[in-house]
Amino acid sequence: MQALTSFVLMDIQTILVVILFIAAIFYIGRMILRSVSPKKGGCASNCKCGVDFSNIEPTKK
């Protein structure tokens, strides 16, 4: 009976370690993805909040 109890305890510990490992991989992957993905907003986000140059005539010097 004690061997069965220690086997079940080891199985639970293994499951918890695997769950923690998967959570850590997900956390690190999310941090990396957020650092390399384009940011929301800013000048290059095409939010139409910049200066409108359509009515300005280009002049060459």
PDB file of N, CA and C in Angstrom:
ATOM      1  N   MET A   1       0.820  -1.201   0.000  1.00  0.00           N
ATOM      2  CA  MET A   1       0.000   0.000   0.000  1.00  0.00           C
ATOM      3  C   MET A   1       0.864   1.265   0.000  1.00  0.00           C
ATOM      4  N   GLN A   2       1.997   1.200   0.711  1.00  0.00           N
ATOM      5  CA  GLN A   2       2.863   2.369   0.771  1.00  0.00           C
ATOM      6  C   GLN A   2       3.510   2.635  -0.594  1.00  0.00           C
ATOM      7  N   ALA A   3       3.809   1.603  -1.329  1.00  0.00           N
ATOM      8  CA  ALA A   3       4.397   1.778  -2.659  1.00  0.00           C
ATOM      9  C   ALA A   3       3.412   2.465  -3.595  1.00  0.00           C
ATOM     10  N   LEU A   4       2.134   2.116  -3.478  1.00  0.00           N
ATOM     11  CA  LEU A   4       1.111   2.754  -4.303  1.00  0.00           C
ATOM     12  C   LEU A   4       0.959   4.223  -3.938  1.00  0.00           C
ATOM     13  N   THR A   5       1.019   4.534  -2.637  1.00  0.00           N
ATOM     14  CA  THR A   5       0.902   5.920  -2.188  1.00  0.00           C
ATOM     15  C   THR A   5       2.084   6.748  -2.681  1.00  0.00           C
ATOM     16  N   SER A   6       3.290   6.205  -2.598  1.00  0.00           N
ATOM     17  CA  SER A   6       4.459   6.951  -3.068  1.00  0.00           C
ATOM     18  C   SER A   6       4.429   7.116  -4.586  1.00  0.00           C
ATOM     19  N   PHE A   7       3.893   6.128  -5.307  1.00  0.00           N
ATOM     20  CA  PHE A   7       3.770   6.245  -6.761  1.00  0.00           C
ATOM     21  C   PHE A   7       2.789   7.346  -7.128  1.00  0.00           C
ATOM     22  N   VAL A   8       1.645   7.409  -6.441  1.00  0.00           N
ATOM     23  CA  VAL A   8       0.644   8.440  -6.718  1.00  0.00           C
ATOM     24  C   VAL A   8       1.193   9.812  -6.367  1.00  0.00           C
ATOM     25  N   LEU A   9       1.938   9.909  -5.246  1.00  0.00           N
ATOM     26  CA  LEU A   9       2.530  11.182  -4.854  1.00  0.00           C
ATOM     27  C   LEU A   9       3.547  11.634  -5.896  1.00  0.00           C
ATOM     28  N   MET A  10       4.356  10.725  -6.386  1.00  0.00           N
ATOM     29  CA  MET A  10       5.332  11.056  -7.413  1.00  0.00           C
ATOM     30  C   MET A  10       4.631  11.468  -8.701  1.00  0.00           C
ATOM     31  N   ASP A  11       3.549  10.828  -9.023  1.00  0.00           N
ATOM     32  CA  ASP A  11       2.790  11.169 -10.218  1.00  0.00           C
ATOM     33  C   ASP A  11       2.211  12.576 -10.105  1.00  0.00           C
ATOM     34  N   ILE A  12       1.702  12.934  -8.936  1.00  0.00           N
ATOM     35  CA  ILE A  12       1.154  14.275  -8.726  1.00  0.00           C
ATOM     36  C   ILE A  12       2.269  15.306  -8.823  1.00  0.00           C
ATOM     37  N   GLN A  13       3.431  15.011  -8.250  1.00  0.00           N
ATOM     38  CA  GLN A  13       4.557  15.939  -8.336  1.00  0.00           C
ATOM     39  C   GLN A  13       5.006  16.125  -9.782  1.00  0.00           C
ATOM     40  N   THR A  14       5.032  15.070 -10.531  1.00  0.00           N
ATOM     41  CA  THR A  14       5.423  15.157 -11.939  1.00  0.00           C
ATOM     42  C   THR A  14       4.429  16.002 -12.721  1.00  0.00           C
ATOM     43  N   ILE A  15       3.163  15.806 -12.461  1.00  0.00           N
ATOM     44  CA  ILE A  15       2.131  16.594 -13.144  1.00  0.00           C
ATOM     45  C   ILE A  15       2.271  18.068 -12.794  1.00  0.00           C
ATOM     46  N   LEU A  16       2.515  18.383 -11.516  1.00  0.00           N
ATOM     47  CA  LEU A  16       2.683  19.781 -11.110  1.00  0.00           C
ATOM     48  C   LEU A  16       3.925  20.402 -11.742  1.00  0.00           C
ATOM     49  N   VAL A  17       5.003  19.656 -11.826  1.00  0.00           N
ATOM     50  CA  VAL A  17       6.224  20.171 -12.457  1.00  0.00           C
ATOM     51  C   VAL A  17       5.984  20.442 -13.936  1.00  0.00           C
ATOM     52  N   VAL A  18       5.287  19.553 -14.609  1.00  0.00           N
ATOM     53  CA  VAL A  18       4.991  19.746 -16.030  1.00  0.00           C
ATOM     54  C   VAL A  18       4.103  20.971 -16.224  1.00  0.00           C
ATOM     55  N   ILE A  19       3.109  21.150 -15.366  1.00  0.00           N
ATOM     56  CA  ILE A  19       2.225  22.321 -15.461  1.00  0.00           C
ATOM     57  C   ILE A  19       3.012  23.602 -15.239  1.00  0.00           C
ATOM     58  N   LEU A  20       3.893  23.619 -14.233  1.00  0.00           N
ATOM     59  CA  LEU A  20       4.714  24.808 -13.986  1.00  0.00           C
ATOM     60  C   LEU A  20       5.673  25.078 -15.143  1.00  0.00           C
ATOM     61  N   PHE A  21       6.227  24.033 -15.729  1.00  0.00           N
ATOM     62  CA  PHE A  21       7.134  24.194 -16.860  1.00  0.00           C
ATOM     63  C   PHE A  21       6.402  24.779 -18.064  1.00  0.00           C
ATOM     64  N   ILE A  22       5.216  24.289 -18.344  1.00  0.00           N
ATOM     65  CA  ILE A  22       4.421  24.813 -19.462  1.00  0.00           C
ATOM     66  C   ILE A  22       4.042  26.266 -19.210  1.00  0.00           C
ATOM     67  N   ALA A  23       3.688  26.596 -17.968  1.00  0.00           N
ATOM     68  CA  ALA A  23       3.350  27.982 -17.634  1.00  0.00           C
ATOM     69  C   ALA A  23       4.564  28.890 -17.807  1.00  0.00           C
ATOM     70  N   ALA A  24       5.739  28.423 -17.416  1.00  0.00           N
ATOM     71  CA  ALA A  24       6.951  29.225 -17.571  1.00  0.00           C
ATOM     72  C   ALA A  24       7.291  29.436 -19.042  1.00  0.00           C
ATOM     73  N   ILE A  25       7.164  28.407 -19.854  1.00  0.00           N
ATOM     74  CA  ILE A  25       7.414  28.530 -21.296  1.00  0.00           C
ATOM     75  C   ILE A  25       6.429  29.510 -21.921  1.00  0.00           C
ATOM     76  N   PHE A  26       5.166  29.434 -21.533  1.00  0.00           N
ATOM     77  CA  PHE A  26       4.155  30.359 -22.045  1.00  0.00           C
ATOM     78  C   PHE A  26       4.488  31.793 -21.656  1.00  0.00           C
ATOM     79  N   TYR A  27       4.905  32.004 -20.407  1.00  0.00           N
ATOM     80  CA  TYR A  27       5.238  33.345 -19.916  1.00  0.00           C
ATOM     81  C   TYR A  27       6.435  33.926 -20.670  1.00  0.00           C
ATOM     82  N   ILE A  28       7.484  33.150 -20.823  1.00  0.00           N
ATOM     83  CA  ILE A  28       8.674  33.624 -21.538  1.00  0.00           C
ATOM     84  C   ILE A  28       8.352  33.873 -23.013  1.00  0.00           C
ATOM     85  N   GLY A  29       7.594  32.975 -23.625  1.00  0.00           N
ATOM     86  CA  GLY A  29       7.213  33.164 -25.025  1.00  0.00           C
ATOM     87  C   GLY A  29       6.378  34.409 -25.228  1.00  0.00           C
ATOM     88  N   ARG A  30       5.483  34.671 -24.297  1.00  0.00           N
ATOM     89  CA  ARG A  30       4.648  35.872 -24.386  1.00  0.00           C
ATOM     90  C   ARG A  30       5.494  37.131 -24.234  1.00  0.00           C
ATOM     91  N   MET A  31       6.473  37.106 -23.328  1.00  0.00           N
ATOM     92  CA  MET A  31       7.352  38.265 -23.164  1.00  0.00           C
ATOM     93  C   MET A  31       8.159  38.518 -24.433  1.00  0.00           C
ATOM     94  N   ILE A  32       8.672  37.463 -25.043  1.00  0.00           N
ATOM     95  CA  ILE A  32       9.456  37.617 -26.271  1.00  0.00           C
ATOM     96  C   ILE A  32       8.572  38.117 -27.406  1.00  0.00           C
ATOM     97  N   LEU A  33       7.384  37.554 -27.531  1.00  0.00           N
ATOM     98  CA  LEU A  33       6.473  37.970 -28.594  1.00  0.00           C
ATOM     99  C   LEU A  33       6.069  39.430 -28.440  1.00  0.00           C
ATOM    100  N   ARG A  34       5.804  39.864 -27.228  1.00  0.00           N
ATOM    101  CA  ARG A  34       5.415  41.255 -27.011  1.00  0.00           C
ATOM    102  C   ARG A  34       6.568  42.214 -27.257  1.00  0.00           C
ATOM    103  N   SER A  35       7.810  41.764 -27.068  1.00  0.00           N
ATOM    104  CA  SER A  35       8.941  42.658 -27.281  1.00  0.00           C
ATOM    105  C   SER A  35       9.277  42.817 -28.760  1.00  0.00           C
ATOM    106  N   VAL A  36       8.951  41.824 -29.597  1.00  0.00           N
ATOM    107  CA  VAL A  36       9.287  41.920 -31.013  1.00  0.00           C
ATOM    108  C   VAL A  36       8.095  42.291 -31.891  1.00  0.00           C
ATOM    109  N   SER A  37       6.896  42.265 -31.361  1.00  0.00           N
ATOM    110  CA  SER A  37       5.727  42.608 -32.178  1.00  0.00           C
ATOM    111  C   SER A  37       5.598  44.122 -32.291  1.00  0.00           C
ATOM    112  N   PRO A  38       4.998  44.603 -33.371  1.00  0.00           N
ATOM    113  CA  PRO A  38       4.837  46.045 -33.535  1.00  0.00           C
ATOM    114  C   PRO A  38       3.945  46.619 -32.444  1.00  0.00           C
ATOM    115  N   LYS A  39       4.287  47.819 -32.047  1.00  0.00           N
ATOM    116  CA  LYS A  39       3.547  48.479 -30.978  1.00  0.00           C
ATOM    117  C   LYS A  39       2.269  49.103 -31.523  1.00  0.00           C
ATOM    118  N   LYS A  40       1.302  49.244 -30.683  1.00  0.00           N
ATOM    119  CA  LYS A  40       0.061  49.920 -31.051  1.00  0.00           C
ATOM    120  C   LYS A  40       0.286  51.428 -30.898  1.00  0.00           C
ATOM    121  N   GLY A  41      -0.138  52.168 -31.867  1.00  0.00           N
ATOM    122  CA  GLY A  41       0.012  53.615 -31.787  1.00  0.00           C
ATOM    123  C   GLY A  41       1.352  54.077 -32.327  1.00  0.00           C
ATOM    124  N   GLY A  42       1.608  55.347 -32.193  1.00  0.00           N
ATOM    125  CA  GLY A  42       2.838  55.912 -32.695  1.00  0.00           C
ATOM    126  C   GLY A  42       2.634  56.460 -34.095  1.00  0.00           C
ATOM    127  N   CYS A  43       3.670  56.998 -34.660  1.00  0.00           N
ATOM    128  CA  CYS A  43       3.566  57.636 -35.968  1.00  0.00           C
ATOM    129  C   CYS A  43       3.322  56.638 -37.098  1.00  0.00           C
ATOM    130  N   ALA A  44       3.788  55.441 -36.967  1.00  0.00           N
ATOM    131  CA  ALA A  44       3.674  54.481 -38.057  1.00  0.00           C
ATOM    132  C   ALA A  44       2.409  53.631 -37.983  1.00  0.00           C
ATOM    133  N   SER A  45       1.519  53.949 -37.075  1.00  0.00           N
ATOM    134  CA  SER A  45       0.331  53.107 -36.921  1.00  0.00           C
ATOM    135  C   SER A  45      -0.804  53.499 -37.852  1.00  0.00           C
ATOM    136  N   ASN A  46      -0.645  54.585 -38.637  1.00  0.00           N
ATOM    137  CA  ASN A  46      -1.645  55.035 -39.598  1.00  0.00           C
ATOM    138  C   ASN A  46      -2.995  55.299 -38.930  1.00  0.00           C
ATOM    139  N   CYS A  47      -2.948  56.070 -37.833  1.00  0.00           N
ATOM    140  CA  CYS A  47      -4.178  56.372 -37.106  1.00  0.00           C
ATOM    141  C   CYS A  47      -4.820  57.673 -37.592  1.00  0.00           C
ATOM    142  N   LYS A  48      -4.268  58.290 -38.623  1.00  0.00           N
ATOM    143  CA  LYS A  48      -4.774  59.532 -39.219  1.00  0.00           C
ATOM    144  C   LYS A  48      -4.704  60.717 -38.255  1.00  0.00           C
ATOM    145  N   CYS A  49      -3.774  60.665 -37.309  1.00  0.00           N
ATOM    146  CA  CYS A  49      -3.665  61.779 -36.373  1.00  0.00           C
ATOM    147  C   CYS A  49      -2.469  62.669 -36.679  1.00  0.00           C
ATOM    148  N   GLY A  50      -1.727  62.366 -37.726  1.00  0.00           N
ATOM    149  CA  GLY A  50      -0.555  63.150 -38.078  1.00  0.00           C
ATOM    150  C   GLY A  50      -0.935  64.348 -38.940  1.00  0.00           C
ATOM    151  N   VAL A  51       0.070  65.008 -39.472  1.00  0.00           N
ATOM    152  CA  VAL A  51      -0.127  66.174 -40.321  1.00  0.00           C
ATOM    153  C   VAL A  51      -0.602  65.718 -41.695  1.00  0.00           C
ATOM    154  N   ASP A  52      -1.574  66.428 -42.241  1.00  0.00           N
ATOM    155  CA  ASP A  52      -2.097  66.116 -43.568  1.00  0.00           C
ATOM    156  C   ASP A  52      -1.320  66.930 -44.596  1.00  0.00           C
ATOM    157  N   PHE A  53      -0.506  66.273 -45.402  1.00  0.00           N
ATOM    158  CA  PHE A  53       0.305  66.947 -46.411  1.00  0.00           C
ATOM    159  C   PHE A  53      -0.361  66.958 -47.782  1.00  0.00           C
ATOM    160  N   SER A  54      -1.607  66.552 -47.881  1.00  0.00           N
ATOM    161  CA  SER A  54      -2.239  66.456 -49.193  1.00  0.00           C
ATOM    162  C   SER A  54      -2.527  67.828 -49.808  1.00  0.00           C
ATOM    163  N   ASN A  55      -2.701  68.863 -49.017  1.00  0.00           N
ATOM    164  CA  ASN A  55      -3.003  70.197 -49.549  1.00  0.00           C
ATOM    165  C   ASN A  55      -1.762  71.059 -49.707  1.00  0.00           C
ATOM    166  N   ILE A  56      -0.594  70.542 -49.419  1.00  0.00           N
ATOM    167  CA  ILE A  56       0.641  71.308 -49.519  1.00  0.00           C
ATOM    168  C   ILE A  56       1.305  70.971 -50.847  1.00  0.00           C
ATOM    169  N   GLU A  57       1.644  72.019 -51.588  1.00  0.00           N
ATOM    170  CA  GLU A  57       2.291  71.817 -52.877  1.00  0.00           C
ATOM    171  C   GLU A  57       3.788  71.655 -52.672  1.00  0.00           C
ATOM    172  N   PRO A  58       4.367  70.626 -53.269  1.00  0.00           N
ATOM    173  CA  PRO A  58       5.815  70.436 -53.105  1.00  0.00           C
ATOM    174  C   PRO A  58       6.587  71.466 -53.921  1.00  0.00           C
ATOM    175  N   THR A  59       7.627  71.974 -53.342  1.00  0.00           N
ATOM    176  CA  THR A  59       8.512  72.911 -54.042  1.00  0.00           C
ATOM    177  C   THR A  59       9.929  72.370 -53.953  1.00  0.00           C
ATOM    178  N   LYS A  60      10.663  72.540 -55.066  1.00  0.00           N
ATOM    179  CA  LYS A  60      12.053  72.102 -55.083  1.00  0.00           C
ATOM    180  C   LYS A  60      12.936  73.320 -54.979  1.00  0.00           C
ATOM    181  N   LYS A  61      14.032  73.168 -54.267  1.00  0.00           N
ATOM    182  CA  LYS A  61      14.966  74.285 -54.117  1.00  0.00           C
ATOM    183  C   LYS A  61      16.067  74.189 -55.121  1.00  0.00           C
TER     184      LYS A  61
END
